[in-house]
């Protein structure tokens, strides 16, 4: 578990700076999509993905670069980018609205559960599940396909449809797994 004191003493590491830059890039990428600059948004999305790999590698392999702050910021940056893109791509009719609602609702359920557990003075451990990692990977593939179709006009209907179904199933399974764990932790 973490506390504010440990976060205040965390040095601003290279991986943390990269993650913060990724967070700052989120509104830029969203604005690019909204302004019809989908190609540049695609480039920004790819660069964000590469930066995620780089900051993770540095944190794992360079002594003194891993931090509690980074462990918390990294998934926030990932989710901020993916959720924002699902919303803006749904607004632009590049993603089905029902799928965007499902993705956003799952993340709101998780964040709401964490906040409620803090308010109830029963903080739950924040541990990513394998199904959640698979869900994030599927979301990344889906957003990549949706941006590619919007930018290049590729006809990838079947691939986009299958990936949407995979994202939907993994989103529901992941939400159920987190809910089950949260209920267990709140009772214990």
N, C-alpha and C. Protein backbone atom coordinates (compact mmCIF):
# COMPACT_ATOMS: atom_id res chain seq x y z
N UNK A 1 0.84 -1.18 0.00
CA UNK A 1 0.00 0.00 0.00
C UNK A 1 0.89 1.24 0.00
N UNK A 2 0.37 2.34 -0.39
CA UNK A 2 1.16 3.58 -0.45
C UNK A 2 0.56 4.62 0.48
N UNK A 3 1.38 5.59 0.82
CA UNK A 3 0.87 6.72 1.57
C UNK A 3 1.47 7.99 1.01
N UNK A 4 0.90 9.11 1.35
CA UNK A 4 1.35 10.39 0.78
C UNK A 4 2.78 10.70 1.18
N UNK A 5 3.20 10.30 2.38
CA UNK A 5 4.56 10.59 2.82
C UNK A 5 5.56 9.92 1.90
N UNK A 6 5.33 8.65 1.55
CA UNK A 6 6.28 7.95 0.69
C UNK A 6 6.29 8.57 -0.71
N UNK A 7 5.15 9.08 -1.17
CA UNK A 7 5.11 9.70 -2.49
C UNK A 7 5.84 11.04 -2.48
N UNK A 8 5.75 11.78 -1.37
CA UNK A 8 6.43 13.07 -1.30
C UNK A 8 7.93 12.90 -1.34
N UNK A 9 8.44 11.78 -0.84
CA UNK A 9 9.87 11.54 -0.81
C UNK A 9 10.38 10.86 -2.06
N UNK A 10 9.51 10.57 -3.00
CA UNK A 10 9.90 9.90 -4.22
C UNK A 10 10.59 10.89 -5.15
N UNK A 11 11.80 10.55 -5.60
CA UNK A 11 12.47 11.46 -6.53
C UNK A 11 11.76 11.45 -7.89
N UNK A 12 11.86 12.55 -8.59
CA UNK A 12 11.29 12.63 -9.92
C UNK A 12 12.25 11.91 -10.87
N UNK A 13 11.93 10.69 -11.19
CA UNK A 13 12.80 9.84 -11.99
C UNK A 13 12.52 10.03 -13.48
N UNK A 14 13.41 9.51 -14.30
CA UNK A 14 13.22 9.57 -15.76
C UNK A 14 11.92 8.88 -16.17
N UNK A 15 11.64 7.66 -15.68
CA UNK A 15 10.36 7.04 -16.04
C UNK A 15 9.16 7.89 -15.63
N UNK A 16 9.22 8.53 -14.46
CA UNK A 16 8.11 9.38 -14.02
C UNK A 16 7.93 10.58 -14.95
N UNK A 17 9.03 11.18 -15.37
CA UNK A 17 8.95 12.31 -16.30
C UNK A 17 8.34 11.87 -17.63
N UNK A 18 8.73 10.69 -18.11
CA UNK A 18 8.17 10.17 -19.36
C UNK A 18 6.67 9.93 -19.20
N UNK A 19 6.27 9.37 -18.07
CA UNK A 19 4.85 9.11 -17.81
C UNK A 19 4.06 10.41 -17.72
N UNK A 20 4.62 11.42 -17.07
CA UNK A 20 3.96 12.71 -16.98
C UNK A 20 3.81 13.32 -18.37
N UNK A 21 4.84 13.18 -19.20
CA UNK A 21 4.75 13.68 -20.59
C UNK A 21 3.62 12.96 -21.33
N UNK A 22 3.47 11.65 -21.08
CA UNK A 22 2.38 10.89 -21.71
C UNK A 22 1.03 11.41 -21.25
N UNK A 23 0.90 11.75 -19.98
CA UNK A 23 -0.35 12.33 -19.48
C UNK A 23 -0.64 13.68 -20.14
N UNK A 24 0.38 14.49 -20.29
CA UNK A 24 0.22 15.79 -20.94
C UNK A 24 -0.16 15.64 -22.41
N UNK A 25 0.30 14.56 -23.04
CA UNK A 25 0.00 14.32 -24.45
C UNK A 25 -1.46 13.93 -24.70
N UNK A 26 -2.16 13.44 -23.68
CA UNK A 26 -3.53 12.97 -23.86
C UNK A 26 -4.43 14.04 -24.47
N UNK A 27 -4.53 15.24 -23.89
CA UNK A 27 -5.42 16.23 -24.50
C UNK A 27 -4.96 16.65 -25.90
N UNK A 28 -3.67 16.62 -26.15
CA UNK A 28 -3.16 16.97 -27.48
C UNK A 28 -3.65 15.95 -28.50
N UNK A 29 -3.55 14.68 -28.17
CA UNK A 29 -3.99 13.61 -29.08
C UNK A 29 -5.50 13.71 -29.31
N UNK A 30 -6.25 13.97 -28.25
CA UNK A 30 -7.71 14.13 -28.37
C UNK A 30 -8.04 15.30 -29.29
N UNK A 31 -7.38 16.42 -29.11
CA UNK A 31 -7.63 17.58 -29.97
C UNK A 31 -7.26 17.29 -31.42
N UNK A 32 -6.21 16.52 -31.63
CA UNK A 32 -5.84 16.15 -33.00
C UNK A 32 -6.97 15.36 -33.66
N UNK A 33 -7.56 14.42 -32.94
CA UNK A 33 -8.68 13.65 -33.50
C UNK A 33 -9.85 14.58 -33.79
N UNK A 34 -10.19 15.42 -32.84
CA UNK A 34 -11.33 16.33 -33.01
C UNK A 34 -11.13 17.32 -34.14
N UNK A 35 -9.88 17.68 -34.42
CA UNK A 35 -9.57 18.61 -35.51
C UNK A 35 -9.34 17.90 -36.85
N UNK A 36 -9.60 16.60 -36.89
CA UNK A 36 -9.46 15.86 -38.14
C UNK A 36 -8.04 15.49 -38.50
N UNK A 37 -7.12 15.68 -37.58
CA UNK A 37 -5.71 15.34 -37.81
C UNK A 37 -5.44 13.94 -37.26
N UNK A 38 -6.17 12.96 -37.79
CA UNK A 38 -6.12 11.60 -37.26
C UNK A 38 -4.75 10.97 -37.49
N UNK A 39 -4.09 11.31 -38.56
CA UNK A 39 -2.74 10.78 -38.80
C UNK A 39 -1.77 11.19 -37.71
N UNK A 40 -1.84 12.47 -37.32
CA UNK A 40 -0.97 12.94 -36.24
C UNK A 40 -1.40 12.33 -34.91
N UNK A 41 -2.70 12.13 -34.72
CA UNK A 41 -3.18 11.48 -33.50
C UNK A 41 -2.65 10.05 -33.44
N UNK A 42 -2.65 9.36 -34.60
CA UNK A 42 -2.12 8.00 -34.66
C UNK A 42 -0.64 8.01 -34.27
N UNK A 43 0.12 8.95 -34.81
CA UNK A 43 1.55 9.07 -34.48
C UNK A 43 1.71 9.32 -32.97
N UNK A 44 0.89 10.21 -32.42
CA UNK A 44 0.95 10.48 -30.98
C UNK A 44 0.62 9.26 -30.15
N UNK A 45 -0.36 8.48 -30.61
CA UNK A 45 -0.75 7.26 -29.90
C UNK A 45 0.40 6.25 -29.93
N UNK A 46 1.03 6.09 -31.08
CA UNK A 46 2.17 5.16 -31.20
C UNK A 46 3.32 5.63 -30.32
N UNK A 47 3.62 6.94 -30.35
CA UNK A 47 4.70 7.47 -29.51
C UNK A 47 4.38 7.27 -28.02
N UNK A 48 3.13 7.44 -27.65
CA UNK A 48 2.73 7.20 -26.26
C UNK A 48 2.97 5.74 -25.88
N UNK A 49 2.64 4.83 -26.79
CA UNK A 49 2.88 3.41 -26.54
C UNK A 49 4.36 3.10 -26.40
N UNK A 50 5.16 3.70 -27.27
CA UNK A 50 6.61 3.49 -27.19
C UNK A 50 7.16 4.07 -25.88
N UNK A 51 6.66 5.25 -25.50
CA UNK A 51 7.14 5.85 -24.25
C UNK A 51 6.78 4.99 -23.05
N UNK A 52 5.62 4.32 -23.11
CA UNK A 52 5.21 3.42 -22.04
C UNK A 52 6.20 2.26 -21.93
N UNK A 53 6.61 1.71 -23.07
CA UNK A 53 7.59 0.62 -23.06
C UNK A 53 8.94 1.11 -22.54
N UNK A 54 9.35 2.30 -22.96
CA UNK A 54 10.65 2.85 -22.54
C UNK A 54 10.66 3.13 -21.05
N UNK A 55 9.62 3.79 -20.53
CA UNK A 55 9.65 4.11 -19.10
C UNK A 55 9.61 2.84 -18.26
N UNK A 56 8.87 1.84 -18.72
CA UNK A 56 8.84 0.56 -18.01
C UNK A 56 10.19 -0.13 -18.01
N UNK A 57 10.87 -0.12 -19.15
CA UNK A 57 12.19 -0.75 -19.25
C UNK A 57 13.20 -0.04 -18.35
N UNK A 58 13.17 1.28 -18.37
CA UNK A 58 14.10 2.03 -17.52
C UNK A 58 13.82 1.74 -16.04
N UNK A 59 12.55 1.75 -15.66
CA UNK A 59 12.19 1.50 -14.26
C UNK A 59 12.62 0.10 -13.81
N UNK A 60 12.51 -0.88 -14.70
CA UNK A 60 12.86 -2.25 -14.34
C UNK A 60 14.36 -2.51 -14.34
N UNK A 61 15.08 -1.84 -15.23
CA UNK A 61 16.48 -2.23 -15.45
C UNK A 61 17.53 -1.23 -14.99
N UNK A 62 17.13 -0.02 -14.65
CA UNK A 62 18.10 0.98 -14.19
C UNK A 62 17.90 1.18 -12.69
N UNK A 63 18.94 0.91 -11.93
CA UNK A 63 18.81 1.05 -10.47
C UNK A 63 18.39 2.47 -10.07
N UNK A 64 17.49 2.55 -9.10
CA UNK A 64 17.04 3.82 -8.57
C UNK A 64 15.97 4.52 -9.40
N UNK A 65 15.51 3.89 -10.48
CA UNK A 65 14.52 4.54 -11.34
C UNK A 65 13.09 4.06 -11.07
N UNK A 66 12.92 2.94 -10.44
CA UNK A 66 11.57 2.46 -10.09
C UNK A 66 11.09 3.24 -8.88
N UNK A 67 9.81 3.58 -8.86
CA UNK A 67 9.27 4.31 -7.71
C UNK A 67 7.81 3.96 -7.51
N UNK A 68 7.35 4.22 -6.30
CA UNK A 68 5.94 4.01 -5.98
C UNK A 68 5.08 4.97 -6.80
N UNK A 69 5.55 6.20 -6.95
CA UNK A 69 4.82 7.17 -7.76
C UNK A 69 4.66 6.66 -9.19
N UNK A 70 5.72 6.12 -9.76
CA UNK A 70 5.65 5.58 -11.12
C UNK A 70 4.70 4.40 -11.22
N UNK A 71 4.70 3.56 -10.20
CA UNK A 71 3.81 2.40 -10.19
C UNK A 71 2.35 2.84 -10.21
N UNK A 72 2.07 3.99 -9.62
CA UNK A 72 0.70 4.50 -9.60
C UNK A 72 0.38 5.34 -10.84
N UNK A 73 1.34 6.14 -11.30
CA UNK A 73 1.10 7.04 -12.44
C UNK A 73 0.97 6.29 -13.76
N UNK A 74 1.76 5.25 -13.95
CA UNK A 74 1.80 4.57 -15.24
C UNK A 74 0.43 4.05 -15.68
N UNK A 75 -0.29 3.30 -14.84
CA UNK A 75 -1.62 2.86 -15.30
C UNK A 75 -2.61 4.00 -15.46
N UNK A 76 -2.44 5.08 -14.69
CA UNK A 76 -3.32 6.24 -14.85
C UNK A 76 -3.11 6.86 -16.23
N UNK A 77 -1.84 6.98 -16.63
CA UNK A 77 -1.54 7.54 -17.96
C UNK A 77 -2.10 6.65 -19.06
N UNK A 78 -1.93 5.34 -18.91
CA UNK A 78 -2.46 4.41 -19.91
C UNK A 78 -3.97 4.53 -20.03
N UNK A 79 -4.65 4.52 -18.88
CA UNK A 79 -6.11 4.58 -18.89
C UNK A 79 -6.61 5.94 -19.37
N UNK A 80 -5.93 7.01 -18.99
CA UNK A 80 -6.35 8.34 -19.45
C UNK A 80 -6.33 8.40 -20.97
N UNK A 81 -5.28 7.86 -21.56
CA UNK A 81 -5.17 7.88 -23.02
C UNK A 81 -6.24 7.00 -23.66
N UNK A 82 -6.37 5.77 -23.19
CA UNK A 82 -7.33 4.85 -23.81
C UNK A 82 -8.78 5.32 -23.63
N UNK A 83 -9.14 5.70 -22.41
CA UNK A 83 -10.51 6.14 -22.17
C UNK A 83 -10.82 7.39 -22.98
N UNK A 84 -9.88 8.34 -23.01
CA UNK A 84 -10.09 9.56 -23.80
C UNK A 84 -10.28 9.24 -25.28
N UNK A 85 -9.48 8.32 -25.79
CA UNK A 85 -9.61 7.97 -27.21
C UNK A 85 -10.90 7.22 -27.49
N UNK A 86 -11.32 6.35 -26.59
CA UNK A 86 -12.61 5.67 -26.80
C UNK A 86 -13.73 6.70 -26.86
N UNK A 87 -13.69 7.68 -25.96
CA UNK A 87 -14.74 8.70 -25.93
C UNK A 87 -14.72 9.54 -27.21
N UNK A 88 -13.55 10.07 -27.56
CA UNK A 88 -13.49 10.96 -28.72
C UNK A 88 -13.74 10.20 -30.02
N UNK A 89 -13.31 8.96 -30.10
CA UNK A 89 -13.58 8.18 -31.31
C UNK A 89 -15.06 7.81 -31.40
N UNK A 90 -15.73 7.65 -30.26
CA UNK A 90 -17.18 7.43 -30.28
C UNK A 90 -17.89 8.70 -30.73
N UNK A 91 -17.43 9.85 -30.25
CA UNK A 91 -18.01 11.13 -30.67
C UNK A 91 -17.84 11.31 -32.17
N UNK A 92 -16.71 10.88 -32.70
CA UNK A 92 -16.42 11.00 -34.13
C UNK A 92 -16.99 9.83 -34.95
N UNK A 93 -17.76 8.96 -34.31
CA UNK A 93 -18.41 7.80 -34.95
C UNK A 93 -17.41 6.81 -35.54
N UNK A 94 -16.24 6.72 -34.93
CA UNK A 94 -15.24 5.73 -35.35
C UNK A 94 -15.25 4.50 -34.45
N UNK A 95 -15.94 4.61 -33.32
CA UNK A 95 -16.06 3.53 -32.34
C UNK A 95 -17.53 3.48 -31.95
N UNK A 96 -18.11 2.29 -31.81
CA UNK A 96 -19.50 2.22 -31.37
C UNK A 96 -19.68 2.84 -29.98
N UNK A 97 -20.72 3.62 -29.82
CA UNK A 97 -20.97 4.30 -28.55
C UNK A 97 -21.11 3.28 -27.42
N UNK A 98 -21.77 2.15 -27.69
CA UNK A 98 -21.97 1.15 -26.64
C UNK A 98 -20.64 0.63 -26.11
N UNK A 99 -19.64 0.50 -26.99
CA UNK A 99 -18.34 -0.01 -26.55
C UNK A 99 -17.61 1.04 -25.71
N UNK A 100 -17.69 2.29 -26.13
CA UNK A 100 -17.07 3.36 -25.35
C UNK A 100 -17.71 3.45 -23.96
N UNK A 101 -19.02 3.34 -23.89
CA UNK A 101 -19.72 3.37 -22.60
C UNK A 101 -19.27 2.20 -21.72
N UNK A 102 -19.15 1.03 -22.31
CA UNK A 102 -18.71 -0.16 -21.57
C UNK A 102 -17.31 0.03 -21.00
N UNK A 103 -16.39 0.50 -21.83
CA UNK A 103 -14.99 0.71 -21.41
C UNK A 103 -14.92 1.76 -20.31
N UNK A 104 -15.58 2.89 -20.50
CA UNK A 104 -15.56 3.97 -19.51
C UNK A 104 -16.24 3.52 -18.22
N UNK A 105 -17.35 2.82 -18.31
CA UNK A 105 -18.08 2.37 -17.12
C UNK A 105 -17.24 1.42 -16.28
N UNK A 106 -16.51 0.52 -16.92
CA UNK A 106 -15.65 -0.41 -16.18
C UNK A 106 -14.61 0.36 -15.39
N UNK A 107 -13.96 1.32 -16.03
CA UNK A 107 -12.92 2.08 -15.34
C UNK A 107 -13.50 2.94 -14.23
N UNK A 108 -14.69 3.48 -14.44
CA UNK A 108 -15.35 4.26 -13.39
C UNK A 108 -15.73 3.36 -12.21
N UNK A 109 -16.15 2.14 -12.50
CA UNK A 109 -16.48 1.18 -11.45
C UNK A 109 -15.25 0.91 -10.59
N UNK A 110 -14.12 0.69 -11.23
CA UNK A 110 -12.89 0.40 -10.49
C UNK A 110 -12.45 1.60 -9.66
N UNK A 111 -12.40 2.78 -10.27
CA UNK A 111 -11.99 3.99 -9.55
C UNK A 111 -12.97 4.28 -8.40
N UNK A 112 -14.25 4.15 -8.69
CA UNK A 112 -15.26 4.37 -7.64
C UNK A 112 -15.09 3.41 -6.48
N UNK A 113 -14.79 2.15 -6.78
CA UNK A 113 -14.56 1.16 -5.73
C UNK A 113 -13.35 1.49 -4.87
N UNK A 114 -12.29 1.94 -5.51
CA UNK A 114 -11.07 2.32 -4.77
C UNK A 114 -11.37 3.52 -3.87
N UNK A 115 -12.05 4.52 -4.42
CA UNK A 115 -12.37 5.72 -3.62
C UNK A 115 -13.29 5.34 -2.45
N UNK A 116 -14.29 4.54 -2.73
CA UNK A 116 -15.22 4.12 -1.67
C UNK A 116 -14.49 3.34 -0.57
N UNK A 117 -13.55 2.50 -0.97
CA UNK A 117 -12.81 1.74 0.04
C UNK A 117 -11.94 2.66 0.90
N UNK A 118 -11.38 3.72 0.31
CA UNK A 118 -10.61 4.69 1.09
C UNK A 118 -11.51 5.44 2.06
N UNK A 119 -12.67 5.89 1.56
CA UNK A 119 -13.61 6.62 2.40
C UNK A 119 -14.07 5.74 3.56
N UNK A 120 -14.27 4.46 3.31
CA UNK A 120 -14.71 3.52 4.34
C UNK A 120 -13.54 3.07 5.22
N UNK A 121 -12.36 3.63 4.98
CA UNK A 121 -11.15 3.29 5.74
C UNK A 121 -10.82 1.80 5.64
N UNK A 122 -11.08 1.25 4.45
CA UNK A 122 -10.74 -0.14 4.16
C UNK A 122 -10.05 -0.21 2.80
N UNK A 123 -8.91 0.48 2.67
CA UNK A 123 -8.26 0.53 1.35
C UNK A 123 -7.95 -0.86 0.81
N UNK A 124 -8.29 -1.04 -0.44
CA UNK A 124 -8.03 -2.32 -1.10
C UNK A 124 -6.70 -2.24 -1.84
N UNK A 125 -6.01 -3.37 -1.95
CA UNK A 125 -4.76 -3.35 -2.70
C UNK A 125 -5.01 -3.07 -4.18
N UNK A 126 -4.13 -2.28 -4.76
CA UNK A 126 -4.26 -1.95 -6.19
C UNK A 126 -3.29 -2.85 -6.94
N UNK A 127 -3.84 -3.95 -7.44
CA UNK A 127 -3.03 -4.95 -8.13
C UNK A 127 -3.67 -5.26 -9.48
N UNK A 128 -2.94 -5.05 -10.58
CA UNK A 128 -3.52 -5.37 -11.88
C UNK A 128 -3.69 -6.88 -12.06
N UNK A 129 -4.84 -7.28 -12.54
CA UNK A 129 -5.12 -8.68 -12.80
C UNK A 129 -4.69 -9.03 -14.23
N UNK A 130 -4.42 -10.30 -14.48
CA UNK A 130 -4.03 -10.74 -15.84
C UNK A 130 -5.12 -10.42 -16.85
N UNK A 131 -6.38 -10.60 -16.46
CA UNK A 131 -7.49 -10.31 -17.38
C UNK A 131 -7.52 -8.81 -17.70
N UNK A 132 -7.12 -7.99 -16.73
CA UNK A 132 -7.06 -6.54 -16.97
C UNK A 132 -5.94 -6.19 -17.94
N UNK A 133 -4.81 -6.87 -17.79
CA UNK A 133 -3.70 -6.64 -18.73
C UNK A 133 -4.10 -7.07 -20.15
N UNK A 134 -4.80 -8.19 -20.25
CA UNK A 134 -5.29 -8.65 -21.56
C UNK A 134 -6.30 -7.66 -22.12
N UNK A 135 -7.15 -7.12 -21.25
CA UNK A 135 -8.14 -6.12 -21.66
C UNK A 135 -7.45 -4.87 -22.21
N UNK A 136 -6.43 -4.40 -21.50
CA UNK A 136 -5.70 -3.22 -21.96
C UNK A 136 -5.04 -3.49 -23.31
N UNK A 137 -4.45 -4.65 -23.47
CA UNK A 137 -3.81 -5.00 -24.75
C UNK A 137 -4.85 -5.02 -25.87
N UNK A 138 -6.01 -5.60 -25.62
CA UNK A 138 -7.07 -5.64 -26.63
C UNK A 138 -7.56 -4.23 -26.95
N UNK A 139 -7.67 -3.37 -25.94
CA UNK A 139 -8.09 -1.99 -26.17
C UNK A 139 -7.07 -1.25 -27.04
N UNK A 140 -5.79 -1.49 -26.78
CA UNK A 140 -4.74 -0.86 -27.58
C UNK A 140 -4.85 -1.29 -29.04
N UNK A 141 -5.03 -2.59 -29.26
CA UNK A 141 -5.18 -3.10 -30.63
C UNK A 141 -6.40 -2.47 -31.28
N UNK A 142 -7.51 -2.40 -30.53
CA UNK A 142 -8.74 -1.86 -31.09
C UNK A 142 -8.59 -0.39 -31.47
N UNK A 143 -8.02 0.41 -30.57
CA UNK A 143 -7.83 1.84 -30.86
C UNK A 143 -6.88 2.01 -32.04
N UNK A 144 -5.86 1.19 -32.11
CA UNK A 144 -4.93 1.25 -33.25
C UNK A 144 -5.67 0.98 -34.56
N UNK A 145 -6.52 -0.04 -34.56
CA UNK A 145 -7.32 -0.35 -35.75
C UNK A 145 -8.28 0.80 -36.09
N UNK A 146 -8.96 1.32 -35.07
CA UNK A 146 -9.93 2.40 -35.31
C UNK A 146 -9.24 3.64 -35.86
N UNK A 147 -8.09 3.99 -35.30
CA UNK A 147 -7.34 5.14 -35.81
C UNK A 147 -6.85 4.89 -37.23
N UNK A 148 -6.41 3.66 -37.51
CA UNK A 148 -5.94 3.32 -38.86
C UNK A 148 -7.06 3.44 -39.88
N UNK A 149 -8.23 2.95 -39.53
CA UNK A 149 -9.38 3.04 -40.43
C UNK A 149 -9.75 4.50 -40.66
N UNK A 150 -9.80 5.28 -39.58
CA UNK A 150 -10.16 6.70 -39.70
C UNK A 150 -9.12 7.48 -40.50
N UNK A 151 -7.87 7.16 -40.33
CA UNK A 151 -6.80 7.91 -40.97
C UNK A 151 -6.59 7.48 -42.41
N UNK A 152 -6.45 6.17 -42.62
CA UNK A 152 -6.06 5.66 -43.93
C UNK A 152 -7.23 5.13 -44.75
N UNK A 153 -8.41 5.04 -44.12
CA UNK A 153 -9.57 4.54 -44.84
C UNK A 153 -9.51 3.05 -45.13
N UNK A 154 -8.67 2.35 -44.41
CA UNK A 154 -8.56 0.90 -44.62
C UNK A 154 -9.90 0.24 -44.36
N UNK A 155 -10.18 -0.78 -45.12
CA UNK A 155 -11.40 -1.56 -44.94
C UNK A 155 -11.08 -2.77 -44.05
N UNK A 156 -11.18 -2.58 -42.75
CA UNK A 156 -10.83 -3.63 -41.79
C UNK A 156 -12.04 -4.05 -40.96
N UNK A 157 -13.22 -3.98 -41.59
CA UNK A 157 -14.46 -4.22 -40.87
C UNK A 157 -14.47 -5.45 -40.00
N UNK A 158 -14.09 -6.59 -40.56
CA UNK A 158 -14.13 -7.84 -39.78
C UNK A 158 -13.13 -7.81 -38.64
N UNK A 159 -11.95 -7.27 -38.86
CA UNK A 159 -10.94 -7.21 -37.80
C UNK A 159 -11.39 -6.27 -36.69
N UNK A 160 -11.96 -5.15 -37.06
CA UNK A 160 -12.45 -4.18 -36.08
C UNK A 160 -13.61 -4.79 -35.29
N UNK A 161 -14.52 -5.47 -35.98
CA UNK A 161 -15.67 -6.08 -35.31
C UNK A 161 -15.25 -7.17 -34.33
N UNK A 162 -14.35 -8.03 -34.75
CA UNK A 162 -13.87 -9.11 -33.87
C UNK A 162 -13.15 -8.53 -32.67
N UNK A 163 -12.31 -7.53 -32.91
CA UNK A 163 -11.58 -6.91 -31.80
C UNK A 163 -12.54 -6.21 -30.85
N UNK A 164 -13.59 -5.59 -31.37
CA UNK A 164 -14.59 -4.94 -30.51
C UNK A 164 -15.25 -5.97 -29.60
N UNK A 165 -15.56 -7.13 -30.13
CA UNK A 165 -16.17 -8.19 -29.32
C UNK A 165 -15.20 -8.66 -28.24
N UNK A 166 -13.93 -8.84 -28.62
CA UNK A 166 -12.92 -9.25 -27.64
C UNK A 166 -12.80 -8.20 -26.53
N UNK A 167 -12.74 -6.93 -26.91
CA UNK A 167 -12.66 -5.85 -25.92
C UNK A 167 -13.89 -5.89 -25.01
N UNK A 168 -15.07 -6.05 -25.58
CA UNK A 168 -16.30 -6.07 -24.78
C UNK A 168 -16.28 -7.23 -23.78
N UNK A 169 -15.94 -8.42 -24.24
CA UNK A 169 -15.92 -9.58 -23.36
C UNK A 169 -14.88 -9.40 -22.25
N UNK A 170 -13.66 -8.99 -22.62
CA UNK A 170 -12.61 -8.80 -21.61
C UNK A 170 -12.97 -7.68 -20.64
N UNK A 171 -13.65 -6.66 -21.11
CA UNK A 171 -14.07 -5.55 -20.25
C UNK A 171 -15.05 -6.05 -19.20
N UNK A 172 -16.04 -6.84 -19.62
CA UNK A 172 -17.03 -7.38 -18.68
C UNK A 172 -16.39 -8.36 -17.71
N UNK A 173 -15.55 -9.26 -18.21
CA UNK A 173 -14.90 -10.24 -17.34
C UNK A 173 -13.98 -9.54 -16.34
N UNK A 174 -13.23 -8.55 -16.82
CA UNK A 174 -12.33 -7.80 -15.95
C UNK A 174 -13.12 -7.05 -14.87
N UNK A 175 -14.20 -6.39 -15.27
CA UNK A 175 -15.03 -5.67 -14.29
C UNK A 175 -15.57 -6.63 -13.23
N UNK A 176 -16.02 -7.79 -13.66
CA UNK A 176 -16.55 -8.79 -12.72
C UNK A 176 -15.46 -9.28 -11.77
N UNK A 177 -14.26 -9.50 -12.28
CA UNK A 177 -13.16 -9.96 -11.44
C UNK A 177 -12.79 -8.91 -10.40
N UNK A 178 -12.71 -7.65 -10.82
CA UNK A 178 -12.39 -6.58 -9.86
C UNK A 178 -13.51 -6.42 -8.84
N UNK A 179 -14.76 -6.50 -9.29
CA UNK A 179 -15.89 -6.37 -8.37
C UNK A 179 -15.88 -7.50 -7.34
N UNK A 180 -15.63 -8.71 -7.79
CA UNK A 180 -15.56 -9.86 -6.87
C UNK A 180 -14.46 -9.65 -5.82
N UNK A 181 -13.28 -9.22 -6.28
CA UNK A 181 -12.18 -8.97 -5.34
C UNK A 181 -12.48 -7.83 -4.39
N UNK A 182 -13.11 -6.78 -4.91
CA UNK A 182 -13.45 -5.63 -4.07
C UNK A 182 -14.46 -6.04 -3.00
N UNK A 183 -15.47 -6.79 -3.38
CA UNK A 183 -16.47 -7.25 -2.40
C UNK A 183 -15.82 -8.13 -1.33
N UNK A 184 -14.90 -8.99 -1.73
CA UNK A 184 -14.19 -9.85 -0.79
C UNK A 184 -13.37 -8.99 0.18
N UNK A 185 -12.63 -8.01 -0.35
CA UNK A 185 -11.79 -7.16 0.50
C UNK A 185 -12.61 -6.28 1.43
N UNK A 186 -13.75 -5.82 0.96
CA UNK A 186 -14.59 -4.95 1.78
C UNK A 186 -15.26 -5.75 2.91
N UNK A 187 -15.51 -7.05 2.71
CA UNK A 187 -16.12 -7.87 3.75
C UNK A 187 -15.10 -8.33 4.79
N UNK A 188 -13.85 -8.52 4.32
CA UNK A 188 -12.81 -9.11 5.16
C UNK A 188 -12.34 -8.21 6.21
